[in-house]
Protein backbone atom coordinates (compact mmCIF):
# COMPACT_ATOMS: atom_id res chain seq x y z
CA UNK A 1 -37.54 98.21 123.02
CA UNK A 2 -35.77 101.41 122.89
CA UNK A 3 -38.38 103.14 120.37
CA UNK A 4 -39.24 105.28 123.09
CA UNK A 5 -35.60 106.33 123.71
CA UNK A 6 -34.58 106.53 120.26
CA UNK A 7 -37.34 109.04 119.44
CA UNK A 8 -36.55 111.20 121.95
CA UNK A 9 -32.69 111.03 121.13
CA UNK A 10 -33.73 111.87 117.88
CA UNK A 11 -36.35 114.87 119.01
CA UNK A 12 -32.97 116.65 120.12
CA UNK A 13 -31.10 116.46 117.07
CA UNK A 14 -34.17 117.79 115.18
CA UNK A 15 -34.47 121.23 117.61
CA UNK A 16 -30.36 121.13 117.05
CA UNK A 17 -30.61 121.37 113.43
CA UNK A 18 -32.27 124.76 113.19
CA UNK A 19 -29.10 126.08 114.74
CA UNK A 20 -26.13 127.77 113.15
CA UNK A 21 -23.55 127.13 116.14
CA UNK A 22 -23.61 125.57 119.72
CA UNK A 23 -24.19 128.31 122.30
CA UNK A 24 -23.66 127.23 126.36
CA UNK A 25 -26.93 127.57 126.89
CA UNK A 26 -27.99 125.08 123.83
CA UNK A 27 -25.85 122.38 125.11
CA UNK A 28 -27.57 122.43 128.82
CA UNK A 29 -31.33 122.53 126.58
CA UNK A 30 -30.27 119.36 124.84
CA UNK A 31 -28.37 117.72 127.80
CA UNK A 32 -31.76 118.38 129.73
CA UNK A 33 -33.83 116.34 127.20
CA UNK A 34 -31.83 113.84 126.90
CA UNK A 35 -31.51 113.29 130.78
CA UNK A 36 -35.35 113.16 130.28
CA UNK A 37 -34.82 110.90 127.38
CA UNK A 38 -33.03 108.55 129.98
CA UNK A 39 -35.07 108.69 132.92
CA UNK A 40 -38.06 107.43 131.28
CA UNK A 41 -36.54 104.20 129.74
CA UNK A 42 -35.42 103.66 133.27
CA UNK A 43 -32.11 104.62 133.60
CA UNK A 44 -30.08 104.53 136.48
CA UNK A 45 -29.74 107.75 138.18
CA UNK A 46 -26.36 107.31 138.54
CA UNK A 47 -25.68 106.11 135.00
CA UNK A 48 -27.70 109.33 134.23
CA UNK A 49 -25.69 111.66 135.80
CA UNK A 50 -22.87 109.96 134.42
CA UNK A 51 -23.94 110.12 131.18
CA UNK A 52 -24.51 113.81 130.94
CA UNK A 53 -21.40 114.62 132.58
CA UNK A 54 -19.39 113.18 130.26
CA UNK A 55 -21.45 115.13 127.47
CA UNK A 56 -21.06 118.15 128.78
CA UNK A 57 -17.53 117.95 129.36
CA UNK A 58 -16.89 116.39 125.98
CA UNK A 59 -19.02 119.24 123.95
CA UNK A 60 -17.31 122.16 126.08
CA UNK A 61 -14.27 120.85 125.54
CA UNK A 62 -14.34 119.45 121.70
CA UNK A 63 -13.58 121.53 118.84
CA UNK A 64 -16.27 121.09 116.38
CA UNK A 65 -15.69 119.22 113.01
CA UNK A 66 -16.13 122.11 110.07
CA UNK A 67 -18.03 118.85 108.41
CA UNK A 68 -20.36 118.26 110.98
CA UNK A 69 -23.51 120.63 111.80
CA UNK A 70 -23.98 120.98 115.60
CA UNK A 71 -27.01 118.18 115.79
CA UNK A 72 -24.47 115.81 114.18
CA UNK A 73 -21.84 117.18 117.04
CA UNK A 74 -24.27 116.43 119.56
CA UNK A 75 -25.10 113.14 118.11
CA UNK A 76 -21.91 112.17 117.49
CA UNK A 77 -21.40 112.77 121.36
CA UNK A 78 -24.30 110.62 122.40
CA UNK A 79 -23.10 108.09 120.32
CA UNK A 80 -19.69 107.53 121.38
CA UNK A 81 -21.19 107.90 125.34
CA UNK A 82 -23.98 105.25 124.06
CA UNK A 83 -20.70 102.65 123.05
CA UNK A 84 -19.47 103.69 126.53
CA UNK A 85 -22.13 102.88 128.60
CA UNK A 86 -23.04 99.66 126.65
CA UNK A 87 -19.52 98.26 127.44
CA UNK A 88 -17.47 99.77 124.57
CA UNK A 89 -15.96 96.94 122.86
CA UNK A 90 -17.66 93.63 122.03
CA UNK A 91 -17.16 90.71 124.42
CA UNK A 92 -14.77 88.50 122.78
CA UNK A 93 -14.99 84.23 124.23
CA UNK A 94 -12.35 82.70 124.50
CA UNK A 95 -11.78 78.69 124.72
CA UNK A 96 -9.58 76.33 127.73
CA UNK A 97 -6.53 75.07 125.65
CA UNK A 98 -7.79 71.98 127.65
CA UNK A 99 -11.32 70.99 126.81
CA UNK A 100 -14.11 71.54 128.28
CA UNK A 101 -14.72 75.45 129.05
CA UNK A 102 -17.06 75.06 131.15
CA UNK A 103 -19.97 78.17 131.14
CA UNK A 104 -22.05 78.88 134.21
CA UNK A 105 -25.07 80.55 133.71
CA UNK A 106 -27.07 82.24 136.71
CA UNK A 107 -30.13 84.72 137.36
CA UNK A 108 -33.70 85.06 138.75
CA UNK A 109 -36.44 82.82 137.94
CA UNK A 110 -38.35 83.70 134.74
CA UNK A 111 -35.01 85.90 133.61
CA UNK A 112 -35.05 83.18 130.59
CA UNK A 113 -31.95 81.38 132.08
CA UNK A 114 -32.57 77.82 130.67
CA UNK A 115 -33.76 78.95 127.39
CA UNK A 116 -30.62 80.73 127.14
CA UNK A 117 -28.54 77.64 127.82
CA UNK A 118 -30.79 76.40 124.63
CA UNK A 119 -29.47 79.37 122.70
CA UNK A 120 -26.36 79.58 123.60
CA UNK A 121 -25.55 76.17 122.53
CA UNK A 122 -26.75 76.08 119.11
CA UNK A 123 -24.71 79.12 119.02
CA UNK A 124 -21.79 77.35 119.89
CA UNK A 125 -23.10 74.74 117.91
CA UNK A 126 -22.86 76.77 114.87
CA UNK A 127 -19.77 78.44 115.36
CA UNK A 128 -18.32 74.99 115.19
CA UNK A 129 -18.02 73.51 118.88
CA UNK A 130 -19.33 70.33 120.65
CA UNK A 131 -21.37 72.14 123.21
CA UNK A 132 -23.19 69.92 126.41
CA UNK A 133 -26.18 71.27 128.21
CA UNK A 134 -25.81 70.22 131.96
CA UNK A 135 -28.93 70.44 134.32
CA UNK A 136 -28.55 71.40 137.69
CA UNK A 137 -31.56 73.24 138.15
CA UNK A 138 -33.18 71.00 140.56
CA UNK A 139 -35.58 72.89 142.57
CA UNK A 140 -37.89 73.86 139.49
CA UNK A 141 -40.21 71.38 138.67
CA UNK A 142 -39.77 70.27 134.86
CA UNK A 143 -36.70 72.76 134.29
CA UNK A 144 -34.34 69.94 133.63
CA UNK A 145 -36.92 68.40 130.80
CA UNK A 146 -37.01 71.80 128.99
CA UNK A 147 -33.30 71.99 128.89
CA UNK A 148 -33.63 68.25 127.99
CA UNK A 149 -36.02 69.49 124.81
CA UNK A 150 -33.53 72.41 124.04
CA UNK A 151 -30.97 70.23 124.18
CA UNK A 152 -32.57 68.15 121.27
CA UNK A 153 -33.96 70.46 119.07
CA UNK A 154 -30.37 72.55 119.31
CA UNK A 155 -28.83 69.01 118.64
CA UNK A 156 -26.35 68.89 121.18
CA UNK A 157 -25.24 66.57 124.36
CA UNK A 158 -27.42 67.06 127.63
CA UNK A 159 -26.69 65.45 130.77
CA UNK A 160 -28.37 65.90 134.22
CA UNK A 161 -29.50 63.64 137.09
CA UNK A 162 -31.47 63.18 140.45
CA UNK A 163 -28.60 63.76 142.59
CA UNK A 164 -27.95 67.74 144.02
CA UNK A 165 -26.70 70.40 141.83
CA UNK A 166 -23.17 70.60 142.83
CA UNK A 167 -22.92 66.63 142.00
CA UNK A 168 -24.77 67.19 138.64
CA UNK A 169 -22.48 69.92 137.46
CA UNK A 170 -19.14 67.99 138.25
CA UNK A 171 -20.79 64.71 136.75
CA UNK A 172 -21.90 66.94 133.79
CA UNK A 173 -17.82 68.13 133.10
CA UNK A 174 -16.33 64.28 133.44
CA UNK A 175 -19.35 62.92 130.79
CA UNK A 176 -18.43 65.95 128.35
CA UNK A 177 -14.58 65.43 129.04
CA UNK A 178 -15.06 61.55 128.52
CA UNK A 179 -17.08 62.42 125.19
CA UNK A 180 -14.78 65.15 123.75
CA UNK A 181 -17.26 67.78 124.01
CA UNK A 182 -15.24 71.26 124.23
CA UNK A 183 -17.84 73.09 126.23
CA UNK A 184 -20.27 72.91 129.10
CA UNK A 185 -23.09 75.10 129.62
CA UNK A 186 -24.51 74.28 133.24
CA UNK A 187 -28.14 76.08 133.59
CA UNK A 188 -28.26 76.40 137.46
CA UNK A 189 -31.52 77.27 139.64
CA UNK A 190 -33.06 80.64 140.15
CA UNK A 191 -35.60 82.31 142.46
CA UNK A 192 -38.37 84.50 142.44
CA UNK A 193 -36.20 86.95 144.65
CA UNK A 194 -32.26 86.62 145.63
CA UNK A 195 -31.90 84.83 149.25
CA UNK A 196 -29.02 83.33 150.84
CA UNK A 197 -29.73 80.16 150.26
CA UNK A 198 -29.35 80.28 146.28
CA UNK A 199 -26.32 82.37 146.96
CA UNK A 200 -24.81 79.77 148.79
CA UNK A 201 -25.56 77.09 146.25
CA UNK A 202 -24.21 79.16 143.35
CA UNK A 203 -20.80 79.43 145.45
CA UNK A 204 -21.17 75.57 145.73
CA UNK A 205 -21.78 74.85 142.12
CA UNK A 206 -18.84 77.77 140.96
CA UNK A 207 -16.65 76.08 143.83
CA UNK A 208 -16.78 72.46 142.05
CA UNK A 209 -16.90 73.54 138.56
CA UNK A 210 -14.27 76.40 138.50
CA UNK A 211 -16.33 78.00 135.40
CA UNK A 212 -14.24 79.27 132.88
CA UNK A 213 -16.72 82.02 132.34
CA UNK A 214 -19.80 82.46 134.54
CA UNK A 215 -22.64 84.74 132.79
CA UNK A 216 -25.72 86.45 135.22
CA UNK A 217 -28.85 86.35 132.82
CA UNK A 218 -30.82 89.13 132.96
CA UNK A 219 -34.67 89.64 132.27
CA UNK A 220 -34.06 93.47 130.34
CA UNK A 221 -38.20 94.16 130.81
CA UNK A 222 -38.04 94.41 134.43
CA UNK A 223 -36.08 97.73 134.99
CA UNK A 224 -34.25 99.02 137.92
CA UNK A 225 -34.95 95.49 139.59
CA UNK A 226 -32.02 94.29 137.24
CA UNK A 227 -29.76 95.88 139.29
CA UNK A 228 -30.61 95.03 142.55
CA UNK A 229 -30.11 91.46 141.13
CA UNK A 230 -27.25 92.23 139.66
CA UNK A 231 -25.40 93.56 142.56
CA UNK A 232 -26.10 90.80 144.57
CA UNK A 233 -25.18 88.08 141.77
CA UNK A 234 -21.82 90.27 141.51
CA UNK A 235 -21.21 90.06 145.21
CA UNK A 236 -21.99 86.50 145.47
CA UNK A 237 -20.32 85.13 142.45
CA UNK A 238 -17.33 85.86 139.76
CA UNK A 239 -19.18 87.49 136.82
CA UNK A 240 -17.30 86.94 133.71
CA UNK A 241 -20.50 89.41 131.96
CA UNK A 242 -24.34 89.75 131.28
CA UNK A 243 -26.67 87.98 128.84
CA UNK A 244 -29.77 90.04 128.51
CA UNK A 245 -32.86 88.53 126.96
CA UNK A 246 -36.21 89.62 125.99
CA UNK A 247 -34.51 92.79 124.39
CA UNK A 248 -38.10 92.35 121.77
CA UNK A 249 -40.05 93.59 124.66
CA UNK A 250 -42.17 97.23 125.26
CA UNK A 251 -40.50 97.62 128.19
CA UNK A 252 -38.07 100.99 127.94
CA UNK A 253 -34.59 98.91 128.40
CA UNK A 254 -33.03 100.48 131.41
CA UNK A 255 -31.68 97.63 132.33
CA UNK A 256 -29.57 97.38 128.84
CA UNK A 257 -28.09 100.48 129.49
CA UNK A 258 -27.33 100.40 133.55
CA UNK A 259 -26.08 96.41 133.44
CA UNK A 260 -22.58 97.19 132.70
CA UNK A 261 -21.93 100.02 135.26
CA UNK A 262 -23.53 98.33 138.15
CA UNK A 263 -21.94 95.11 137.62
CA UNK A 264 -18.65 96.70 135.73
CA UNK A 265 -18.90 93.52 133.15
CA UNK A 266 -19.76 93.48 129.67
CA UNK A 267 -22.98 92.16 127.94
CA UNK A 268 -21.76 89.25 126.54
CA UNK A 269 -24.47 88.31 124.38
CA UNK A 270 -28.54 89.13 123.99
CA UNK A 271 -31.57 87.57 123.19
CA UNK A 272 -34.04 88.84 121.05
CA UNK A 273 -37.54 86.61 119.94
CA UNK A 274 -38.73 83.60 121.09
CA UNK A 275 -36.63 81.29 118.73
CA UNK A 276 -33.67 79.38 119.35
CA UNK A 277 -31.92 80.88 116.93
CA UNK A 278 -33.08 84.54 118.10
CA UNK A 279 -29.62 85.06 120.19
CA UNK A 280 -26.43 86.56 119.04
CA UNK A 281 -23.04 87.70 120.56
CA UNK A 282 -23.87 91.52 122.07
CA UNK A 283 -22.28 94.56 120.22
CA UNK A 284 -22.34 98.03 121.54
CA UNK A 285 -21.46 99.98 118.44
CA UNK A 286 -24.22 98.14 116.43
CA UNK A 287 -26.94 98.29 119.35
CA UNK A 288 -26.04 102.57 119.85
CA UNK A 289 -26.43 102.85 116.14
CA UNK A 290 -30.06 101.16 116.78
CA UNK A 291 -30.83 103.37 119.39
CA UNK A 292 -29.96 106.56 117.40
CA UNK A 293 -32.22 105.25 114.29
CA UNK A 294 -28.39 104.81 112.21
CA UNK A 295 -29.56 100.94 111.62
CA UNK A 296 -27.11 97.85 111.95
CA UNK A 297 -26.58 96.48 108.88
CA UNK A 298 -23.72 94.08 109.98
CA UNK A 299 -26.46 92.54 112.17
CA UNK A 300 -28.77 92.24 109.29
CA UNK A 301 -26.24 90.72 106.90
CA UNK A 302 -25.02 87.80 109.51
CA UNK A 303 -28.53 87.68 110.30
CA UNK A 304 -29.71 86.47 106.49
CA UNK A 305 -26.50 84.36 106.14
CA UNK A 306 -27.18 82.63 109.31
CA UNK A 307 -31.70 82.28 108.65
CA UNK A 308 -31.48 82.47 104.70
CA UNK A 309 -30.68 79.90 101.93
CA UNK A 310 -28.15 81.28 99.91
CA UNK A 311 -29.33 78.78 96.91
CA UNK A 312 -32.73 80.14 96.72
CA UNK A 313 -31.76 83.54 97.34
CA UNK A 314 -29.49 83.53 94.75
CA UNK A 315 -32.43 82.04 92.25
CA UNK A 316 -34.64 85.13 93.18
CA UNK A 317 -31.81 87.45 92.63
CA UNK A 318 -31.52 86.17 88.84
CA UNK A 319 -34.74 85.78 87.72
CA UNK A 320 -35.21 89.26 88.99
CA UNK A 321 -32.51 90.38 86.91
CA UNK A 322 -33.69 88.58 84.00
CA UNK A 323 -37.26 90.09 84.46
CA UNK A 324 -38.67 86.18 84.97
CA UNK A 325 -40.00 86.66 88.39
CA UNK A 326 -43.16 85.30 88.99
CA UNK A 327 -45.47 84.35 91.90
CA UNK A 328 -43.47 81.20 93.25
CA UNK A 329 -40.55 82.96 93.39
CA UNK A 330 -42.22 85.88 95.61
CA UNK A 331 -43.43 83.08 98.01
CA UNK A 332 -39.84 81.60 98.22
CA UNK A 333 -38.17 84.77 98.75
CA UNK A 334 -41.36 85.87 101.30
CA UNK A 335 -40.67 82.87 103.17
CA UNK A 336 -37.25 83.07 103.39
CA UNK A 337 -37.61 86.68 104.91
CA UNK A 338 -40.34 85.50 107.28
CA UNK A 339 -37.23 82.85 108.59
CA UNK A 340 -35.63 86.43 109.81
CA UNK A 341 -38.23 87.13 111.96
CA UNK A 342 -40.92 90.15 112.46
CA UNK A 343 -40.26 93.04 110.16
CA UNK A 344 -40.65 95.60 112.49
CA UNK A 345 -37.12 94.49 113.77
CA UNK A 346 -36.05 94.47 110.36
CA UNK A 347 -36.44 97.75 109.91
CA UNK A 348 -34.95 98.80 112.84
CA UNK A 349 -31.65 97.31 111.50
CA UNK A 350 -32.04 99.62 107.95
CA UNK A 351 -29.90 102.72 108.07
CA UNK A 352 -31.76 105.84 106.61
CA UNK A 353 -35.20 104.78 107.24
CA UNK A 354 -37.59 107.26 108.12
CA UNK A 355 -39.06 106.81 111.69
CA UNK A 356 -42.59 107.09 110.26
CA UNK A 357 -41.42 103.94 108.61
CA UNK A 358 -40.31 102.08 111.48
CA UNK A 359 -43.02 103.11 113.60
CA UNK A 360 -45.47 101.42 111.22
CA UNK A 361 -47.53 98.52 113.01
CA UNK A 362 -46.90 96.00 110.61
CA UNK A 363 -49.81 93.52 110.27
CA UNK A 364 -47.68 89.98 110.00
CA UNK A 365 -51.50 88.59 109.45
CA UNK A 366 -51.51 90.25 106.38
CA UNK A 367 -48.47 88.51 105.10
CA UNK A 368 -49.95 84.93 105.94
CA UNK A 369 -52.61 85.58 104.39
CA UNK A 370 -50.71 86.52 101.02
CA UNK A 371 -48.86 83.62 101.58
CA UNK A 372 -52.21 81.60 102.04
CA UNK A 373 -53.62 83.35 98.64
CA UNK A 374 -50.22 82.45 96.86
CA UNK A 375 -50.08 78.31 98.05
CA UNK A 376 -53.84 77.98 97.22
CA UNK A 377 -52.98 78.30 93.45
CA UNK A 378 -51.47 75.75 91.03
CA UNK A 379 -47.73 76.36 89.72
CA UNK A 380 -48.84 76.80 86.62
CA UNK A 381 -50.99 79.89 87.82
CA UNK A 382 -47.92 80.90 89.83
CA UNK A 383 -45.55 80.89 86.84
CA UNK A 384 -48.40 83.02 84.31
CA UNK A 385 -51.16 84.59 86.62
CA UNK A 386 -52.40 85.91 83.49
CA UNK A 387 -54.25 82.24 83.11
CA UNK A 388 -56.46 83.27 86.55
CA UNK A 389 -59.90 83.47 85.38
CA UNK A 390 -63.22 84.23 87.65
CA UNK A 391 -63.18 80.78 88.52
CA UNK A 392 -59.91 79.98 89.40
CA UNK A 393 -60.19 83.44 91.70
CA UNK A 394 -62.85 81.87 93.29
CA UNK A 395 -61.25 78.44 93.98
CA UNK A 396 -58.15 80.59 95.15
CA UNK A 397 -60.30 82.34 97.14
CA UNK A 398 -61.88 79.22 98.77
CA UNK A 399 -58.85 77.74 99.13
CA UNK A 400 -56.72 80.36 100.84
CA UNK A 401 -59.86 81.44 103.24
CA UNK A 402 -60.06 84.93 101.80
CA UNK A 403 -62.31 86.11 98.79
CA UNK A 404 -62.11 86.96 95.26
CA UNK A 405 -61.45 90.68 95.56
CA UNK A 406 -58.36 89.52 98.17
CA UNK A 407 -57.00 87.46 95.52
CA UNK A 408 -57.69 90.27 92.60
CA UNK A 409 -56.29 92.60 94.92
CA UNK A 410 -52.82 90.53 95.43
CA UNK A 411 -52.97 89.95 91.53
CA UNK A 412 -52.83 93.88 90.39
CA UNK A 413 -50.25 94.52 92.75
CA UNK A 414 -47.69 91.82 91.16
CA UNK A 415 -48.96 93.32 88.17
CA UNK A 416 -47.37 96.71 89.40
CA UNK A 417 -44.63 95.38 90.67
CA UNK A 418 -43.46 93.91 87.60
CA UNK A 419 -44.08 96.67 85.84
CA UNK A 420 -42.43 98.91 88.21
CA UNK A 421 -39.52 96.62 87.84
CA UNK A 422 -39.60 97.17 84.25
CA UNK A 423 -39.32 100.79 84.58
CA UNK A 424 -36.40 100.65 86.99
CA UNK A 425 -34.65 98.84 83.85
CA UNK A 426 -35.08 94.94 85.27
CA UNK A 427 -36.12 93.07 82.82
CA UNK A 428 -33.94 90.34 80.05
CA UNK A 429 -31.49 91.83 77.85
CA UNK A 430 -33.27 91.88 74.51
CA UNK A 431 -36.20 94.03 75.98
CA UNK A 432 -34.28 96.46 77.02
CA UNK A 433 -32.07 96.55 73.96
CA UNK A 434 -35.53 96.95 72.11
CA UNK A 435 -36.54 99.64 74.31
CA UNK A 436 -32.97 101.16 73.57
CA UNK A 437 -33.55 100.93 69.72
CA UNK A 438 -36.55 102.47 69.67
CA UNK A 439 -35.86 105.04 71.75
CA UNK A 440 -33.11 105.81 69.26
CA UNK A 441 -35.21 105.43 66.05
CA UNK A 442 -37.88 107.52 67.75
CA UNK A 443 -35.13 110.45 67.77
CA UNK A 444 -33.32 110.03 64.92
CA UNK A 445 -36.58 110.30 62.68
CA UNK A 446 -37.42 113.87 64.83
CA UNK A 447 -33.92 114.55 63.97
CA UNK A 448 -35.21 114.20 60.36
């Protein structure tokens, strides 16, 4: 979502790298570029003005460390201001001493509110909580059924009934209390646009449920329209924070950089992806780093811990170290990586990756073809690719819907990878020792 903004800000840094020291004119030129980048990203004008004013004040009033170049100094100030604009510290969710903790979700129709409720329920369950989903969106057809299916997928309890939204919220809390559930998530109705009837319904549910938290769910792709929505809900109910959905979209991302300033509340959670697992707590510092192309290693590690099978990962690493990594191991590891989401998203979390590589359009279909080819091999062929002759190649190609040439190319690439690993010293200890002793013998022979 922030690709264009990230590229523009990195361009500012590139121009400043040629400067030995920063003059007032250099600072103003950089601020003009930053201002244009933010406006292009659909950030609210007042937020942009405050953003650039704060950087100007900090740049003029601060002493530049000798350890920093002018470009690094400006990027440091931009990073600090991005974190502040995104909310500063991360939102902290605390739980009621007398369960259940009630969480109410509000927002417009189409913002991803019902899906966010299911994702939040799964996130809480994985935190060791026992949530219940309550379907109080009785206006939208199939909303209750959608939430019920999400509850089944997330393996959490569900409650709803065909009465009225206020009664459903009240009865849902009572049911959760009787079952010993410690969190209740209430999914409320939305509209295509903000109206007085919707706001009145939200106020009545809030009065009956007395939620510990009320989160506004905002589609990050709707840009400036999100601000009017945020303002209206902020006046109607006591917002605790926001949940940003569809952060993996192609929009310009201005809502994420504007909503905190408009509501005065932090972004609590963000949703990146369509899967139920694609949901996490929002960290302003990590998002600022990603916008500036610095990666997000912590989120990548946490994602790997959640999505990857530890046993499979360790087995692959062990076989790699022993020089016994075969196509069967390669297939297992590739399937592990696929569970973490699109490769482009993973690349954006790695620090130090050049923009040229981050911008490469990775064809996920090519990975699917590779998986199909390896899956069409027998276990013996995956463990010992050397036995794959022309007739076997033809059979594998037919089974995977590819060509013999594609199978040959994959085998060649895998062989090259194994060769490269051996050159890097990855292999059986005996082979490494033999190689070392051989080099030593040659040196002695030359000395004689």
